[in-house]
Amino acid sequence: MHKMVSSAQIRAARGLLGWTIRDLAARSGVHRNTITRMEADAEVHKPTMSAVMRALEDAGIEFLDGGEPGVRMVSRNDRRVDK
């Protein structure tokens, strides 16, 4: 099960990947208007958030939640298998 992330983390993850909202919509199966609302801090259903996070993680994003939430790119060799 995925942890929930902030709208800023979603925007940052897209930025690291160089993806537009349309790119993320196509890869996650979530409508671009929903992603726009998500990035504007609107509440979304957990399955929708999970689909977006899964698409970003599959592309190499790791969501960080230590003292300060963030994102980073990880190589295929560094990806966790326990997701």
PDB file of N, CA and C in Angstrom:
ATOM      1  N   MET A   1       0.837  -1.185   0.000  1.00  0.00           N
ATOM      2  CA  MET A   1       0.000   0.000   0.000  1.00  0.00           C
ATOM      3  C   MET A   1       0.882   1.249   0.000  1.00  0.00           C
ATOM      4  N   HIS A   2       0.498   2.209  -0.798  1.00  0.00           N
ATOM      5  CA  HIS A   2       1.271   3.441  -0.913  1.00  0.00           C
ATOM      6  C   HIS A   2       0.933   4.424   0.191  1.00  0.00           C
ATOM      7  N   LYS A   3       1.948   5.167   0.616  1.00  0.00           N
ATOM      8  CA  LYS A   3       1.678   6.279   1.519  1.00  0.00           C
ATOM      9  C   LYS A   3       1.194   7.452   0.668  1.00  0.00           C
ATOM     10  N   MET A   4       0.487   8.366   1.260  1.00  0.00           N
ATOM     11  CA  MET A   4       0.008   9.522   0.509  1.00  0.00           C
ATOM     12  C   MET A   4       1.108  10.573   0.460  1.00  0.00           C
ATOM     13  N   VAL A   5       1.155  11.302  -0.617  1.00  0.00           N
ATOM     14  CA  VAL A   5       2.177  12.322  -0.809  1.00  0.00           C
ATOM     15  C   VAL A   5       1.507  13.665  -1.049  1.00  0.00           C
ATOM     16  N   SER A   6       2.308  14.719  -1.013  1.00  0.00           N
ATOM     17  CA  SER A   6       1.766  16.068  -1.182  1.00  0.00           C
ATOM     18  C   SER A   6       1.694  16.446  -2.658  1.00  0.00           C
ATOM     19  N   SER A   7       0.928  17.489  -2.909  1.00  0.00           N
ATOM     20  CA  SER A   7       0.829  18.009  -4.275  1.00  0.00           C
ATOM     21  C   SER A   7       2.186  18.501  -4.759  1.00  0.00           C
ATOM     22  N   ALA A   8       2.972  19.083  -3.858  1.00  0.00           N
ATOM     23  CA  ALA A   8       4.304  19.569  -4.237  1.00  0.00           C
ATOM     24  C   ALA A   8       5.208  18.413  -4.664  1.00  0.00           C
ATOM     25  N   GLN A   9       5.074  17.264  -3.998  1.00  0.00           N
ATOM     26  CA  GLN A   9       5.879  16.103  -4.380  1.00  0.00           C
ATOM     27  C   GLN A   9       5.493  15.598  -5.772  1.00  0.00           C
ATOM     28  N   ILE A  10       4.197  15.622  -6.085  1.00  0.00           N
ATOM     29  CA  ILE A  10       3.756  15.195  -7.413  1.00  0.00           C
ATOM     30  C   ILE A  10       4.330  16.140  -8.476  1.00  0.00           C
ATOM     31  N   ARG A  11       4.241  17.439  -8.235  1.00  0.00           N
ATOM     32  CA  ARG A  11       4.787  18.425  -9.183  1.00  0.00           C
ATOM     33  C   ARG A  11       6.296  18.255  -9.338  1.00  0.00           C
ATOM     34  N   ALA A  12       6.988  18.052  -8.214  1.00  0.00           N
ATOM     35  CA  ALA A  12       8.441  17.885  -8.254  1.00  0.00           C
ATOM     36  C   ALA A  12       8.833  16.621  -9.020  1.00  0.00           C
ATOM     37  N   ALA A  13       8.086  15.553  -8.797  1.00  0.00           N
ATOM     38  CA  ALA A  13       8.370  14.293  -9.490  1.00  0.00           C
ATOM     39  C   ALA A  13       8.209  14.472 -11.000  1.00  0.00           C
ATOM     40  N   ARG A  14       7.135  15.133 -11.410  1.00  0.00           N
ATOM     41  CA  ARG A  14       6.951  15.394 -12.846  1.00  0.00           C
ATOM     42  C   ARG A  14       8.108  16.204 -13.384  1.00  0.00           C
ATOM     43  N   GLY A  15       8.540  17.199 -12.603  1.00  0.00           N
ATOM     44  CA  GLY A  15       9.652  18.045 -13.022  1.00  0.00           C
ATOM     45  C   GLY A  15      10.939  17.259 -13.216  1.00  0.00           C
ATOM     46  N   LEU A  16      11.236  16.355 -12.283  1.00  0.00           N
ATOM     47  CA  LEU A  16      12.438  15.526 -12.409  1.00  0.00           C
ATOM     48  C   LEU A  16      12.404  14.675 -13.671  1.00  0.00           C
ATOM     49  N   LEU A  17      11.219  14.209 -14.005  1.00  0.00           N
ATOM     50  CA  LEU A  17      11.076  13.351 -15.188  1.00  0.00           C
ATOM     51  C   LEU A  17      10.931  14.154 -16.483  1.00  0.00           C
ATOM     52  N   GLY A  18      10.663  15.449 -16.363  1.00  0.00           N
ATOM     53  CA  GLY A  18      10.419  16.261 -17.544  1.00  0.00           C
ATOM     54  C   GLY A  18       9.072  15.963 -18.179  1.00  0.00           C
ATOM     55  N   TRP A  19       8.105  15.518 -17.365  1.00  0.00           N
ATOM     56  CA  TRP A  19       6.781  15.150 -17.853  1.00  0.00           C
ATOM     57  C   TRP A  19       5.816  16.314 -17.732  1.00  0.00           C
ATOM     58  N   THR A  20       4.942  16.420 -18.690  1.00  0.00           N
ATOM     59  CA  THR A  20       3.821  17.344 -18.607  1.00  0.00           C
ATOM     60  C   THR A  20       2.686  16.649 -17.862  1.00  0.00           C
ATOM     61  N   ILE A  21       1.662  17.407 -17.555  1.00  0.00           N
ATOM     62  CA  ILE A  21       0.474  16.796 -16.948  1.00  0.00           C
ATOM     63  C   ILE A  21      -0.107  15.753 -17.890  1.00  0.00           C
ATOM     64  N   ARG A  22      -0.109  16.056 -19.190  1.00  0.00           N
ATOM     65  CA  ARG A  22      -0.613  15.077 -20.170  1.00  0.00           C
ATOM     66  C   ARG A  22       0.203  13.790 -20.151  1.00  0.00           C
ATOM     67  N   ASP A  23       1.527  13.914 -20.006  1.00  0.00           N
ATOM     68  CA  ASP A  23       2.382  12.723 -19.928  1.00  0.00           C
ATOM     69  C   ASP A  23       1.996  11.861 -18.725  1.00  0.00           C
ATOM     70  N   LEU A  24       1.856  12.505 -17.571  1.00  0.00           N
ATOM     71  CA  LEU A  24       1.488  11.762 -16.370  1.00  0.00           C
ATOM     72  C   LEU A  24       0.099  11.149 -16.500  1.00  0.00           C
ATOM     73  N   ALA A  25      -0.810  11.876 -17.107  1.00  0.00           N
ATOM     74  CA  ALA A  25      -2.162  11.352 -17.314  1.00  0.00           C
ATOM     75  C   ALA A  25      -2.119  10.086 -18.177  1.00  0.00           C
ATOM     76  N   ALA A  26      -1.359  10.146 -19.250  1.00  0.00           N
ATOM     77  CA  ALA A  26      -1.265   8.991 -20.151  1.00  0.00           C
ATOM     78  C   ALA A  26      -0.637   7.785 -19.461  1.00  0.00           C
ATOM     79  N   ARG A  27       0.371   8.019 -18.649  1.00  0.00           N
ATOM     80  CA  ARG A  27       1.079   6.910 -18.005  1.00  0.00           C
ATOM     81  C   ARG A  27       0.342   6.351 -16.787  1.00  0.00           C
ATOM     82  N   SER A  28      -0.500   7.173 -16.175  1.00  0.00           N
ATOM     83  CA  SER A  28      -1.190   6.725 -14.965  1.00  0.00           C
ATOM     84  C   SER A  28      -2.631   6.281 -15.214  1.00  0.00           C
ATOM     85  N   GLY A  29      -3.187   6.700 -16.352  1.00  0.00           N
ATOM     86  CA  GLY A  29      -4.587   6.387 -16.620  1.00  0.00           C
ATOM     87  C   GLY A  29      -5.544   7.296 -15.866  1.00  0.00           C
ATOM     88  N   VAL A  30      -5.026   8.393 -15.309  1.00  0.00           N
ATOM     89  CA  VAL A  30      -5.833   9.361 -14.566  1.00  0.00           C
ATOM     90  C   VAL A  30      -6.020  10.586 -15.454  1.00  0.00           C
ATOM     91  N   HIS A  31      -7.235  11.093 -15.536  1.00  0.00           N
ATOM     92  CA  HIS A  31      -7.526  12.241 -16.409  1.00  0.00           C
ATOM     93  C   HIS A  31      -6.677  13.446 -16.018  1.00  0.00           C
ATOM     94  N   ARG A  32      -6.228  14.192 -17.014  1.00  0.00           N
ATOM     95  CA  ARG A  32      -5.350  15.338 -16.754  1.00  0.00           C
ATOM     96  C   ARG A  32      -6.009  16.392 -15.868  1.00  0.00           C
ATOM     97  N   ASN A  33      -7.324  16.557 -15.936  1.00  0.00           N
ATOM     98  CA  ASN A  33      -7.996  17.521 -15.058  1.00  0.00           C
ATOM     99  C   ASN A  33      -7.905  17.082 -13.593  1.00  0.00           C
ATOM    100  N   THR A  34      -7.946  15.785 -13.369  1.00  0.00           N
ATOM    101  CA  THR A  34      -7.807  15.268 -12.003  1.00  0.00           C
ATOM    102  C   THR A  34      -6.396  15.512 -11.498  1.00  0.00           C
ATOM    103  N   ILE A  35      -5.403  15.317 -12.353  1.00  0.00           N
ATOM    104  CA  ILE A  35      -4.020  15.574 -11.949  1.00  0.00           C
ATOM    105  C   ILE A  35      -3.823  17.059 -11.653  1.00  0.00           C
ATOM    106  N   THR A  36      -4.412  17.917 -12.453  1.00  0.00           N
ATOM    107  CA  THR A  36      -4.332  19.354 -12.199  1.00  0.00           C
ATOM    108  C   THR A  36      -4.928  19.686 -10.839  1.00  0.00           C
ATOM    109  N   ARG A  37      -6.081  19.117 -10.529  1.00  0.00           N
ATOM    110  CA  ARG A  37      -6.705  19.349  -9.217  1.00  0.00           C
ATOM    111  C   ARG A  37      -5.839  18.780  -8.094  1.00  0.00           C
ATOM    112  N   MET A  38      -5.270  17.607  -8.331  1.00  0.00           N
ATOM    113  CA  MET A  38      -4.403  16.967  -7.347  1.00  0.00           C
ATOM    114  C   MET A  38      -3.201  17.865  -7.040  1.00  0.00           C
ATOM    115  N   GLU A  39      -2.616  18.437  -8.071  1.00  0.00           N
ATOM    116  CA  GLU A  39      -1.454  19.296  -7.888  1.00  0.00           C
ATOM    117  C   GLU A  39      -1.814  20.643  -7.275  1.00  0.00           C
ATOM    118  N   ALA A  40      -3.093  20.964  -7.244  1.00  0.00           N
ATOM    119  CA  ALA A  40      -3.563  22.204  -6.616  1.00  0.00           C
ATOM    120  C   ALA A  40      -4.067  21.928  -5.202  1.00  0.00           C
ATOM    121  N   ASP A  41      -3.721  20.776  -4.660  1.00  0.00           N
ATOM    122  CA  ASP A  41      -4.065  20.377  -3.289  1.00  0.00           C
ATOM    123  C   ASP A  41      -5.502  19.948  -3.081  1.00  0.00           C
ATOM    124  N   ALA A  42      -6.213  19.628  -4.147  1.00  0.00           N
ATOM    125  CA  ALA A  42      -7.566  19.103  -3.976  1.00  0.00           C
ATOM    126  C   ALA A  42      -7.472  17.663  -3.479  1.00  0.00           C
ATOM    127  N   GLU A  43      -8.446  17.248  -2.720  1.00  0.00           N
ATOM    128  CA  GLU A  43      -8.467  15.877  -2.223  1.00  0.00           C
ATOM    129  C   GLU A  43      -8.874  14.940  -3.353  1.00  0.00           C
ATOM    130  N   VAL A  44      -8.194  13.806  -3.457  1.00  0.00           N
ATOM    131  CA  VAL A  44      -8.524  12.807  -4.476  1.00  0.00           C
ATOM    132  C   VAL A  44      -8.679  11.455  -3.795  1.00  0.00           C
ATOM    133  N   HIS A  45      -9.352  10.545  -4.469  1.00  0.00           N
ATOM    134  CA  HIS A  45      -9.544   9.197  -3.942  1.00  0.00           C
ATOM    135  C   HIS A  45      -8.208   8.468  -3.861  1.00  0.00           C
ATOM    136  N   LYS A  46      -8.073   7.622  -2.877  1.00  0.00           N
ATOM    137  CA  LYS A  46      -6.825   6.876  -2.683  1.00  0.00           C
ATOM    138  C   LYS A  46      -6.421   6.062  -3.909  1.00  0.00           C
ATOM    139  N   PRO A  47      -7.365   5.375  -4.591  1.00  0.00           N
ATOM    140  CA  PRO A  47      -6.953   4.624  -5.786  1.00  0.00           C
ATOM    141  C   PRO A  47      -6.383   5.538  -6.887  1.00  0.00           C
ATOM    142  N   THR A  48      -6.907   6.749  -6.980  1.00  0.00           N
ATOM    143  CA  THR A  48      -6.403   7.703  -7.974  1.00  0.00           C
ATOM    144  C   THR A  48      -4.988   8.114  -7.615  1.00  0.00           C
ATOM    145  N   MET A  49      -4.763   8.461  -6.357  1.00  0.00           N
ATOM    146  CA  MET A  49      -3.421   8.833  -5.899  1.00  0.00           C
ATOM    147  C   MET A  49      -2.459   7.677  -6.095  1.00  0.00           C
ATOM    148  N   SER A  50      -2.905   6.464  -5.799  1.00  0.00           N
ATOM    149  CA  SER A  50      -2.048   5.289  -5.963  1.00  0.00           C
ATOM    150  C   SER A  50      -1.650   5.084  -7.413  1.00  0.00           C
ATOM    151  N   ALA A  51      -2.568   5.300  -8.338  1.00  0.00           N
ATOM    152  CA  ALA A  51      -2.261   5.142  -9.766  1.00  0.00           C
ATOM    153  C   ALA A  51      -1.212   6.154 -10.212  1.00  0.00           C
ATOM    154  N   VAL A  52      -1.331   7.383  -9.739  1.00  0.00           N
ATOM    155  CA  VAL A  52      -0.364   8.433 -10.102  1.00  0.00           C
ATOM    156  C   VAL A  52       0.998   8.111  -9.490  1.00  0.00           C
ATOM    157  N   MET A  53       1.012   7.743  -8.223  1.00  0.00           N
ATOM    158  CA  MET A  53       2.276   7.406  -7.569  1.00  0.00           C
ATOM    159  C   MET A  53       2.943   6.204  -8.227  1.00  0.00           C
ATOM    160  N   ARG A  54       2.146   5.204  -8.567  1.00  0.00           N
ATOM    161  CA  ARG A  54       2.702   4.002  -9.211  1.00  0.00           C
ATOM    162  C   ARG A  54       3.370   4.359 -10.540  1.00  0.00           C
ATOM    163  N   ALA A  55       2.729   5.217 -11.331  1.00  0.00           N
ATOM    164  CA  ALA A  55       3.306   5.625 -12.619  1.00  0.00           C
ATOM    165  C   ALA A  55       4.630   6.360 -12.399  1.00  0.00           C
ATOM    166  N   LEU A  56       4.674   7.227 -11.413  1.00  0.00           N
ATOM    167  CA  LEU A  56       5.906   7.974 -11.135  1.00  0.00           C
ATOM    168  C   LEU A  56       6.995   7.052 -10.587  1.00  0.00           C
ATOM    169  N   GLU A  57       6.638   6.154  -9.701  1.00  0.00           N
ATOM    170  CA  GLU A  57       7.615   5.207  -9.156  1.00  0.00           C
ATOM    171  C   GLU A  57       8.125   4.266 -10.242  1.00  0.00           C
ATOM    172  N   ASP A  58       7.258   3.832 -11.130  1.00  0.00           N
ATOM    173  CA  ASP A  58       7.684   2.963 -12.225  1.00  0.00           C
ATOM    174  C   ASP A  58       8.680   3.668 -13.143  1.00  0.00           C
ATOM    175  N   ALA A  59       8.607   4.998 -13.173  1.00  0.00           N
ATOM    176  CA  ALA A  59       9.521   5.779 -14.013  1.00  0.00           C
ATOM    177  C   ALA A  59      10.820   6.119 -13.282  1.00  0.00           C
ATOM    178  N   GLY A  60      10.931   5.729 -12.000  1.00  0.00           N
ATOM    179  CA  GLY A  60      12.185   5.935 -11.280  1.00  0.00           C
ATOM    180  C   GLY A  60      12.139   6.953 -10.163  1.00  0.00           C
ATOM    181  N   ILE A  61      10.954   7.368  -9.760  1.00  0.00           N
ATOM    182  CA  ILE A  61      10.827   8.336  -8.671  1.00  0.00           C
ATOM    183  C   ILE A  61      10.693   7.610  -7.345  1.00  0.00           C
ATOM    184  N   GLU A  62      11.374   8.111  -6.337  1.00  0.00           N
ATOM    185  CA  GLU A  62      11.190   7.626  -4.965  1.00  0.00           C
ATOM    186  C   GLU A  62      10.648   8.791  -4.147  1.00  0.00           C
ATOM    187  N   PHE A  63       9.570   8.552  -3.437  1.00  0.00           N
ATOM    188  CA  PHE A  63       8.981   9.565  -2.570  1.00  0.00           C
ATOM    189  C   PHE A  63       9.638   9.456  -1.202  1.00  0.00           C
ATOM    190  N   LEU A  64      10.137  10.573  -0.697  1.00  0.00           N
ATOM    191  CA  LEU A  64      10.828  10.629   0.586  1.00  0.00           C
ATOM    192  C   LEU A  64       9.908  11.269   1.614  1.00  0.00           C
ATOM    193  N   ASP A  65       9.946  10.781   2.832  1.00  0.00           N
ATOM    194  CA  ASP A  65       9.102  11.378   3.859  1.00  0.00           C
ATOM    195  C   ASP A  65       9.817  11.530   5.183  1.00  0.00           C
ATOM    196  N   GLY A  66      11.125  11.645   5.129  1.00  0.00           N
ATOM    197  CA  GLY A  66      11.897  11.869   6.352  1.00  0.00           C
ATOM    198  C   GLY A  66      11.424  13.148   7.019  1.00  0.00           C
ATOM    199  N   GLY A  67      12.270  13.897   7.649  1.00  0.00           N
ATOM    200  CA  GLY A  67      11.888  15.139   8.305  1.00  0.00           C
ATOM    201  C   GLY A  67      11.224  16.121   7.364  1.00  0.00           C
ATOM    202  N   GLU A  68      11.646  16.123   6.120  1.00  0.00           N
ATOM    203  CA  GLU A  68      11.067  17.007   5.107  1.00  0.00           C
ATOM    204  C   GLU A  68      10.739  16.178   3.876  1.00  0.00           C
ATOM    205  N   PRO A  69       9.463  16.088   3.507  1.00  0.00           N
ATOM    206  CA  PRO A  69       9.073  15.290   2.341  1.00  0.00           C
ATOM    207  C   PRO A  69       9.752  15.787   1.072  1.00  0.00           C
ATOM    208  N   GLY A  70      10.046  14.876   0.170  1.00  0.00           N
ATOM    209  CA  GLY A  70      10.679  15.226  -1.097  1.00  0.00           C
ATOM    210  C   GLY A  70      10.561  14.082  -2.080  1.00  0.00           C
ATOM    211  N   VAL A  71      11.284  14.213  -3.171  1.00  0.00           N
ATOM    212  CA  VAL A  71      11.354  13.164  -4.188  1.00  0.00           C
ATOM    213  C   VAL A  71      12.781  13.089  -4.696  1.00  0.00           C
ATOM    214  N   ARG A  72      13.128  11.947  -5.254  1.00  0.00           N
ATOM    215  CA  ARG A  72      14.432  11.794  -5.898  1.00  0.00           C
ATOM    216  C   ARG A  72      14.318  10.739  -6.978  1.00  0.00           C
ATOM    217  N   MET A  73      15.240  10.801  -7.925  1.00  0.00           N
ATOM    218  CA  MET A  73      15.328   9.782  -8.960  1.00  0.00           C
ATOM    219  C   MET A  73      16.186   8.653  -8.421  1.00  0.00           C
ATOM    220  N   VAL A  74      15.788   7.436  -8.713  1.00  0.00           N
ATOM    221  CA  VAL A  74      16.592   6.281  -8.326  1.00  0.00           C
ATOM    222  C   VAL A  74      16.872   5.447  -9.565  1.00  0.00           C
ATOM    223  N   SER A  75      18.012   4.804  -9.547  1.00  0.00           N
ATOM    224  CA  SER A  75      18.339   3.934 -10.675  1.00  0.00           C
ATOM    225  C   SER A  75      17.571   2.633 -10.528  1.00  0.00           C
ATOM    226  N   ARG A  76      17.450   1.897 -11.602  1.00  0.00           N
ATOM    227  CA  ARG A  76      16.738   0.612 -11.552  1.00  0.00           C
ATOM    228  C   ARG A  76      17.349  -0.319 -10.507  1.00  0.00           C
ATOM    229  N   ASN A  77      18.662  -0.269 -10.329  1.00  0.00           N
ATOM    230  CA  ASN A  77      19.336  -1.150  -9.375  1.00  0.00           C
ATOM    231  C   ASN A  77      19.012  -0.787  -7.933  1.00  0.00           C
ATOM    232  N   ASP A  78      18.660   0.490  -7.687  1.00  0.00           N
ATOM    233  CA  ASP A  78      18.378   0.950  -6.330  1.00  0.00           C
ATOM    234  C   ASP A  78      16.928   0.842  -5.946  1.00  0.00           C
ATOM    235  N   ARG A  79      16.042   0.472  -6.868  1.00  0.00           N
ATOM    236  CA  ARG A  79      14.615   0.439  -6.576  1.00  0.00           C
ATOM    237  C   ARG A  79      14.289  -0.673  -5.607  1.00  0.00           C
ATOM    238  N   ARG A  80      13.372  -0.373  -4.721  1.00  0.00           N
ATOM    239  CA  ARG A  80      12.934  -1.358  -3.740  1.00  0.00           C
ATOM    240  C   ARG A  80      12.032  -2.389  -4.416  1.00  0.00           C
ATOM    241  N   VAL A  81      12.092  -3.590  -3.906  1.00  0.00           N
ATOM    242  CA  VAL A  81      11.247  -4.650  -4.450  1.00  0.00           C
ATOM    243  C   VAL A  81      10.022  -4.888  -3.562  1.00  0.00           C
ATOM    244  N   ASP A  82       9.936  -4.221  -2.440  1.00  0.00           N
ATOM    245  CA  ASP A  82       8.873  -4.498  -1.480  1.00  0.00           C
ATOM    246  C   ASP A  82       7.616  -3.659  -1.690  1.00  0.00           C
ATOM    247  N   LYS A  83       7.450  -3.071  -2.830  1.00  0.00           N
ATOM    248  CA  LYS A  83       6.276  -2.216  -3.076  1.00  0.00           C
ATOM    249  C   LYS A  83       5.114  -3.007  -3.550  1.00  0.00           C
TER     250      LYS A  83
END
